[in-house]
Amino acid sequence: MTLPKNKTPNCNVPAIWQEYKEALYRYIVKRVKDNTIAEDILQEVLLKVYGFCLSKSGVQNLKSWLFQIAQNTIADYYRKNKNTISEEYIEEQVVEQEDNAAFLEAQQYILPMLAFLPEEYATPLKMYDIDNKKQADIARELNLTLSATKSRIQRARQLLKAEFITCCRFETDKQGNLISFQIKASCEPLQNLKKQIEK
């Protein structure tokens, strides 16, 4: 691929590609079940990586970012070719949060970060988003009105998002999908938790 004149990538694409190309290919071919299609998608991923590196200064979590680009490119392929592929197969292959490394990494810290919030907000949010309880049941258990319960859940989400912004660096694509996640060095509680998780 020829780079546009007067432009050089802000990240070392050849080195990145050398390190991750084979793993990305295996990831893609496992999902599309066709070597030729996998090669085509791999080339699209390379083009996207070049484009991103030309326009931005790089990413914090390279591996998560690369595999999320691959996942999004596979999703694009299935959307374009949905007339020849069953909807069930598209759903199975495209909606794969379990394969989103950045999402999985971030998910590990949701519960610990709830501890950063005041209990009056953390408790209803945990009950609703994690324990999957109905808001009416939460209101009864916490002796709150339904309106107050909804308000606290919304406020808790805002506070949790603020904590993530304070403690973490993350990037999303145009569709809002998480493609990169990293804990800031300044966030000591999560850094300590990360060490425990990685043991």
C-alpha atoms as a PDB file:
ATOM      1  CA  MET A   1       0.000   0.000   0.000  1.00  0.00           C
ATOM      2  CA  THR A   2       1.293   3.483  -0.884  1.00  0.00           C
ATOM      3  CA  LEU A   3       0.912   6.160   1.742  1.00  0.00           C
ATOM      4  CA  PRO A   4      -0.477   9.571   0.719  1.00  0.00           C
ATOM      5  CA  LYS A   5       2.178  12.175  -0.042  1.00  0.00           C
ATOM      6  CA  ASN A   6       3.476  14.174   2.925  1.00  0.00           C
ATOM      7  CA  LYS A   7       1.876  11.760   5.339  1.00  0.00           C
ATOM      8  CA  THR A   8       3.571   9.269   7.610  1.00  0.00           C
ATOM      9  CA  PRO A   9       1.843   7.026  10.137  1.00  0.00           C
ATOM     10  CA  ASN A  10       1.982   7.966  13.796  1.00  0.00           C
ATOM     11  CA  CYS A  11       2.316   4.296  14.753  1.00  0.00           C
ATOM     12  CA  ASN A  12       4.644   1.710  13.260  1.00  0.00           C
ATOM     13  CA  VAL A  13       2.186  -0.188  11.059  1.00  0.00           C
ATOM     14  CA  PRO A  14       4.705  -2.640   9.492  1.00  0.00           C
ATOM     15  CA  ALA A  15       5.935  -3.727  12.927  1.00  0.00           C
ATOM     16  CA  ILE A  16       2.396  -3.936  14.299  1.00  0.00           C
ATOM     17  CA  TRP A  17       1.252  -5.955  11.301  1.00  0.00           C
ATOM     18  CA  GLN A  18       4.219  -8.341  11.521  1.00  0.00           C
ATOM     19  CA  GLU A  19       3.405  -9.086  15.157  1.00  0.00           C
ATOM     20  CA  TYR A  20      -0.361  -9.520  14.888  1.00  0.00           C
ATOM     21  CA  LYS A  21      -1.146 -10.498  11.279  1.00  0.00           C
ATOM     22  CA  GLU A  22      -1.297 -14.271  11.833  1.00  0.00           C
ATOM     23  CA  ALA A  23      -3.367 -14.034  15.012  1.00  0.00           C
ATOM     24  CA  LEU A  24      -5.789 -11.645  13.307  1.00  0.00           C
ATOM     25  CA  TYR A  25      -6.096 -13.972  10.312  1.00  0.00           C
ATOM     26  CA  ARG A  26      -6.898 -16.941  12.575  1.00  0.00           C
ATOM     27  CA  TYR A  27      -9.454 -14.827  14.435  1.00  0.00           C
ATOM     28  CA  ILE A  28     -11.149 -13.808  11.165  1.00  0.00           C
ATOM     29  CA  VAL A  29     -11.102 -17.172   9.376  1.00  0.00           C
ATOM     30  CA  LYS A  30     -12.634 -18.841  12.427  1.00  0.00           C
ATOM     31  CA  ARG A  31     -15.637 -16.558  11.999  1.00  0.00           C
ATOM     32  CA  VAL A  32     -16.101 -16.415   8.233  1.00  0.00           C
ATOM     33  CA  LYS A  33     -15.135 -20.044   7.474  1.00  0.00           C
ATOM     34  CA  ASP A  34     -13.557 -19.052   4.151  1.00  0.00           C
ATOM     35  CA  ASN A  35      -9.857 -18.428   3.500  1.00  0.00           C
ATOM     36  CA  THR A  36     -10.379 -16.024   0.580  1.00  0.00           C
ATOM     37  CA  ILE A  37     -12.937 -13.924   2.434  1.00  0.00           C
ATOM     38  CA  ALA A  38     -10.675 -13.921   5.494  1.00  0.00           C
ATOM     39  CA  GLU A  39      -7.783 -12.589   3.387  1.00  0.00           C
ATOM     40  CA  ASP A  40     -10.021  -9.824   1.990  1.00  0.00           C
ATOM     41  CA  ILE A  41     -11.187  -8.814   5.466  1.00  0.00           C
ATOM     42  CA  LEU A  42      -7.601  -8.898   6.727  1.00  0.00           C
ATOM     43  CA  GLN A  43      -6.628  -6.423   3.993  1.00  0.00           C
ATOM     44  CA  GLU A  44      -9.513  -4.149   4.999  1.00  0.00           C
ATOM     45  CA  VAL A  45      -8.277  -4.272   8.590  1.00  0.00           C
ATOM     46  CA  LEU A  46      -4.800  -3.257   7.395  1.00  0.00           C
ATOM     47  CA  LEU A  47      -6.270  -0.295   5.485  1.00  0.00           C
ATOM     48  CA  LYS A  48      -8.200   0.796   8.580  1.00  0.00           C
ATOM     49  CA  VAL A  49      -5.078   0.531  10.732  1.00  0.00           C
ATOM     50  CA  TYR A  50      -3.160   2.694   8.267  1.00  0.00           C
ATOM     51  CA  GLY A  51      -5.989   5.208   8.154  1.00  0.00           C
ATOM     52  CA  PHE A  52      -6.182   5.425  11.918  1.00  0.00           C
ATOM     53  CA  CYS A  53      -2.430   5.788  12.322  1.00  0.00           C
ATOM     54  CA  LEU A  54      -2.334   8.579   9.749  1.00  0.00           C
ATOM     55  CA  SER A  55      -4.993  10.591  11.520  1.00  0.00           C
ATOM     56  CA  LYS A  56      -4.346   9.894  15.194  1.00  0.00           C
ATOM     57  CA  SER A  57      -1.484   9.411  17.591  1.00  0.00           C
ATOM     58  CA  GLY A  58      -1.982   5.739  18.320  1.00  0.00           C
ATOM     59  CA  VAL A  59      -3.833   3.768  20.967  1.00  0.00           C
ATOM     60  CA  GLN A  60      -3.187   2.725  24.525  1.00  0.00           C
ATOM     61  CA  ASN A  61      -4.105  -0.956  24.255  1.00  0.00           C
ATOM     62  CA  LEU A  62      -2.868  -2.115  20.867  1.00  0.00           C
ATOM     63  CA  LYS A  63      -4.020  -5.738  20.950  1.00  0.00           C
ATOM     64  CA  SER A  64      -7.589  -4.914  22.015  1.00  0.00           C
ATOM     65  CA  TRP A  65      -7.755  -2.166  19.404  1.00  0.00           C
ATOM     66  CA  LEU A  66      -6.602  -4.414  16.548  1.00  0.00           C
ATOM     67  CA  PHE A  67      -8.994  -7.239  17.344  1.00  0.00           C
ATOM     68  CA  GLN A  68     -11.896  -4.818  17.762  1.00  0.00           C
ATOM     69  CA  ILE A  69     -11.144  -3.395  14.298  1.00  0.00           C
ATOM     70  CA  ALA A  70     -11.157  -6.969  12.970  1.00  0.00           C
ATOM     71  CA  GLN A  71     -14.473  -7.709  14.688  1.00  0.00           C
ATOM     72  CA  ASN A  72     -16.068  -4.543  13.319  1.00  0.00           C
ATOM     73  CA  THR A  73     -14.792  -5.328   9.808  1.00  0.00           C
ATOM     74  CA  ILE A  74     -16.259  -8.833  10.011  1.00  0.00           C
ATOM     75  CA  ALA A  75     -19.556  -7.287  11.114  1.00  0.00           C
ATOM     76  CA  ASP A  76     -19.451  -4.933   8.123  1.00  0.00           C
ATOM     77  CA  TYR A  77     -18.865  -7.897   5.816  1.00  0.00           C
ATOM     78  CA  TYR A  78     -21.886  -9.789   7.171  1.00  0.00           C
ATOM     79  CA  ARG A  79     -24.110  -6.728   6.937  1.00  0.00           C
ATOM     80  CA  LYS A  80     -23.147  -6.216   3.287  1.00  0.00           C
ATOM     81  CA  ASN A  81     -23.736  -9.872   2.472  1.00  0.00           C
ATOM     82  CA  LYS A  82     -26.793 -10.569   4.606  1.00  0.00           C
ATOM     83  CA  ASN A  83     -28.884 -11.543   1.567  1.00  0.00           C
ATOM     84  CA  THR A  84     -26.735 -14.645   1.123  1.00  0.00           C
ATOM     85  CA  ILE A  85     -26.287 -15.495   4.808  1.00  0.00           C
ATOM     86  CA  SER A  86     -28.945 -16.407   7.361  1.00  0.00           C
ATOM     87  CA  GLU A  87     -29.908 -13.807   9.958  1.00  0.00           C
ATOM     88  CA  GLU A  88     -29.234 -16.372  12.683  1.00  0.00           C
ATOM     89  CA  TYR A  89     -25.650 -16.837  11.495  1.00  0.00           C
ATOM     90  CA  ILE A  90     -25.115 -13.067  11.283  1.00  0.00           C
ATOM     91  CA  GLU A  91     -26.386 -12.689  14.831  1.00  0.00           C
ATOM     92  CA  GLU A  92     -24.141 -15.485  16.060  1.00  0.00           C
ATOM     93  CA  GLN A  93     -21.006 -14.099  14.420  1.00  0.00           C
ATOM     94  CA  VAL A  94     -21.475 -10.340  14.729  1.00  0.00           C
ATOM     95  CA  VAL A  95     -22.845  -9.924  18.231  1.00  0.00           C
ATOM     96  CA  GLU A  96     -19.855 -11.337  20.102  1.00  0.00           C
ATOM     97  CA  GLN A  97     -19.144  -9.238  23.155  1.00  0.00           C
ATOM     98  CA  GLU A  98     -17.329 -12.221  24.621  1.00  0.00           C
ATOM     99  CA  ASP A  99     -14.740 -11.817  21.850  1.00  0.00           C
ATOM    100  CA  ASN A 100     -14.292  -8.112  22.530  1.00  0.00           C
ATOM    101  CA  ALA A 101     -11.073  -8.085  24.566  1.00  0.00           C
ATOM    102  CA  ALA A 102     -11.429  -4.427  25.549  1.00  0.00           C
ATOM    103  CA  PHE A 103     -15.023  -4.943  26.724  1.00  0.00           C
ATOM    104  CA  LEU A 104     -14.060  -8.016  28.752  1.00  0.00           C
ATOM    105  CA  GLU A 105     -11.157  -6.191  30.367  1.00  0.00           C
ATOM    106  CA  ALA A 106     -13.276  -3.181  31.287  1.00  0.00           C
ATOM    107  CA  GLN A 107     -16.084  -5.415  32.586  1.00  0.00           C
ATOM    108  CA  GLN A 108     -13.822  -6.827  35.310  1.00  0.00           C
ATOM    109  CA  TYR A 109     -13.652  -3.413  36.955  1.00  0.00           C
ATOM    110  CA  ILE A 110     -17.345  -2.458  36.960  1.00  0.00           C
ATOM    111  CA  LEU A 111     -18.156  -4.037  40.332  1.00  0.00           C
ATOM    112  CA  PRO A 112     -15.020  -2.696  42.066  1.00  0.00           C
ATOM    113  CA  MET A 113     -15.730   0.773  40.698  1.00  0.00           C
ATOM    114  CA  LEU A 114     -19.252   0.658  42.103  1.00  0.00           C
ATOM    115  CA  ALA A 115     -17.530   0.756  45.494  1.00  0.00           C
ATOM    116  CA  PHE A 116     -16.285   4.235  44.570  1.00  0.00           C
ATOM    117  CA  LEU A 117     -19.889   5.503  44.489  1.00  0.00           C
ATOM    118  CA  PRO A 118     -22.063   6.502  47.453  1.00  0.00           C
ATOM    119  CA  GLU A 119     -24.016   3.441  48.600  1.00  0.00           C
ATOM    120  CA  GLU A 120     -27.378   5.088  47.907  1.00  0.00           C
ATOM    121  CA  TYR A 121     -26.485   5.100  44.196  1.00  0.00           C
ATOM    122  CA  ALA A 122     -24.281   2.005  43.941  1.00  0.00           C
ATOM    123  CA  THR A 123     -26.842  -0.371  45.463  1.00  0.00           C
ATOM    124  CA  PRO A 124     -29.794   0.283  43.116  1.00  0.00           C
ATOM    125  CA  LEU A 125     -27.489   0.318  40.085  1.00  0.00           C
ATOM    126  CA  LYS A 126     -25.989  -3.057  41.020  1.00  0.00           C
ATOM    127  CA  MET A 127     -29.446  -4.511  41.652  1.00  0.00           C
ATOM    128  CA  TYR A 128     -30.719  -3.301  38.292  1.00  0.00           C
ATOM    129  CA  ASP A 129     -27.794  -3.642  35.880  1.00  0.00           C
ATOM    130  CA  ILE A 130     -25.928  -6.580  37.424  1.00  0.00           C
ATOM    131  CA  ASP A 131     -28.533  -8.545  39.394  1.00  0.00           C
ATOM    132  CA  ASN A 132     -31.178  -7.900  36.697  1.00  0.00           C
ATOM    133  CA  LYS A 133     -33.928  -6.999  39.157  1.00  0.00           C
ATOM    134  CA  LYS A 134     -36.963  -5.001  38.097  1.00  0.00           C
ATOM    135  CA  GLN A 135     -37.056  -1.377  39.167  1.00  0.00           C
ATOM    136  CA  ALA A 136     -40.359  -1.911  40.998  1.00  0.00           C
ATOM    137  CA  ASP A 137     -38.808  -4.737  43.043  1.00  0.00           C
ATOM    138  CA  ILE A 138     -35.759  -2.598  43.810  1.00  0.00           C
ATOM    139  CA  ALA A 139     -37.992   0.230  44.976  1.00  0.00           C
ATOM    140  CA  ARG A 140     -39.809  -2.148  47.358  1.00  0.00           C
ATOM    141  CA  GLU A 141     -36.593  -3.656  48.739  1.00  0.00           C
ATOM    142  CA  LEU A 142     -34.970  -0.271  49.314  1.00  0.00           C
ATOM    143  CA  ASN A 143     -38.176   1.369  50.529  1.00  0.00           C
ATOM    144  CA  LEU A 144     -38.055   3.981  47.748  1.00  0.00           C
ATOM    145  CA  THR A 145     -40.610   5.314  45.321  1.00  0.00           C
ATOM    146  CA  LEU A 146     -40.325   4.033  41.758  1.00  0.00           C
ATOM    147  CA  SER A 147     -39.457   7.553  40.602  1.00  0.00           C
ATOM    148  CA  ALA A 148     -36.660   7.859  43.169  1.00  0.00           C
ATOM    149  CA  THR A 149     -35.323   4.437  42.174  1.00  0.00           C
ATOM    150  CA  LYS A 150     -35.166   5.383  38.487  1.00  0.00           C
ATOM    151  CA  SER A 151     -33.513   8.684  39.366  1.00  0.00           C
ATOM    152  CA  ARG A 152     -30.846   7.016  41.510  1.00  0.00           C
ATOM    153  CA  ILE A 153     -30.045   4.436  38.817  1.00  0.00           C
ATOM    154  CA  GLN A 154     -29.617   7.182  36.219  1.00  0.00           C
ATOM    155  CA  ARG A 155     -27.475   9.241  38.588  1.00  0.00           C
ATOM    156  CA  ALA A 156     -25.378   6.187  39.474  1.00  0.00           C
ATOM    157  CA  ARG A 157     -24.648   5.545  35.798  1.00  0.00           C
ATOM    158  CA  GLN A 158     -23.481   9.144  35.411  1.00  0.00           C
ATOM    159  CA  LEU A 159     -21.230   8.845  38.467  1.00  0.00           C
ATOM    160  CA  LEU A 160     -19.834   5.501  37.301  1.00  0.00           C
ATOM    161  CA  LYS A 161     -19.062   6.950  33.881  1.00  0.00           C
ATOM    162  CA  ALA A 162     -17.251   9.841  35.564  1.00  0.00           C
ATOM    163  CA  GLU A 163     -15.183   7.359  37.595  1.00  0.00           C
ATOM    164  CA  PHE A 164     -14.241   5.469  34.429  1.00  0.00           C
ATOM    165  CA  ILE A 165     -13.167   8.718  32.764  1.00  0.00           C
ATOM    166  CA  THR A 166     -11.112   9.649  35.835  1.00  0.00           C
ATOM    167  CA  CYS A 167      -9.453   6.245  36.247  1.00  0.00           C
ATOM    168  CA  CYS A 168      -9.245   4.863  32.719  1.00  0.00           C
ATOM    169  CA  ARG A 169      -8.297   5.683  29.160  1.00  0.00           C
ATOM    170  CA  PHE A 170     -10.592   4.200  26.555  1.00  0.00           C
ATOM    171  CA  GLU A 171     -11.412   4.673  22.906  1.00  0.00           C
ATOM    172  CA  THR A 172     -14.522   3.873  20.907  1.00  0.00           C
ATOM    173  CA  ASP A 173     -15.212   3.532  17.211  1.00  0.00           C
ATOM    174  CA  LYS A 174     -17.824   5.544  15.265  1.00  0.00           C
ATOM    175  CA  GLN A 175     -20.566   3.159  16.435  1.00  0.00           C
ATOM    176  CA  GLY A 176     -19.609   3.627  20.067  1.00  0.00           C
ATOM    177  CA  ASN A 177     -18.055   0.161  20.455  1.00  0.00           C
ATOM    178  CA  LEU A 178     -15.203  -0.054  22.928  1.00  0.00           C
ATOM    179  CA  ILE A 179     -11.908  -0.704  21.110  1.00  0.00           C
ATOM    180  CA  SER A 180      -9.289   0.108  23.710  1.00  0.00           C
ATOM    181  CA  PHE A 181      -9.210   0.154  27.529  1.00  0.00           C
ATOM    182  CA  GLN A 182      -6.398   0.942  29.944  1.00  0.00           C
ATOM    183  CA  ILE A 183      -6.227   1.905  33.616  1.00  0.00           C
ATOM    184  CA  LYS A 184      -4.390   5.152  34.292  1.00  0.00           C
ATOM    185  CA  ALA A 185      -1.228   4.884  36.378  1.00  0.00           C
ATOM    186  CA  SER A 186      -2.669   7.533  38.707  1.00  0.00           C
ATOM    187  CA  CYS A 187      -5.638   5.330  39.675  1.00  0.00           C
ATOM    188  CA  GLU A 188      -4.043   3.354  42.485  1.00  0.00           C
ATOM    189  CA  PRO A 189      -7.112   1.312  43.603  1.00  0.00           C
ATOM    190  CA  LEU A 190      -7.669  -0.151  40.129  1.00  0.00           C
ATOM    191  CA  GLN A 191      -3.944  -0.605  39.512  1.00  0.00           C
ATOM    192  CA  ASN A 192      -3.794  -2.712  42.691  1.00  0.00           C
ATOM    193  CA  LEU A 193      -6.853  -4.672  41.607  1.00  0.00           C
ATOM    194  CA  LYS A 194      -5.301  -5.255  38.174  1.00  0.00           C
ATOM    195  CA  LYS A 195      -2.218  -6.766  39.816  1.00  0.00           C
ATOM    196  CA  GLN A 196      -4.438  -9.151  41.765  1.00  0.00           C
ATOM    197  CA  ILE A 197      -6.385 -10.172  38.648  1.00  0.00           C
ATOM    198  CA  GLU A 198      -3.215 -10.814  36.655  1.00  0.00           C
ATOM    199  CA  LYS A 199      -1.639 -13.041  39.321  1.00  0.00           C
END
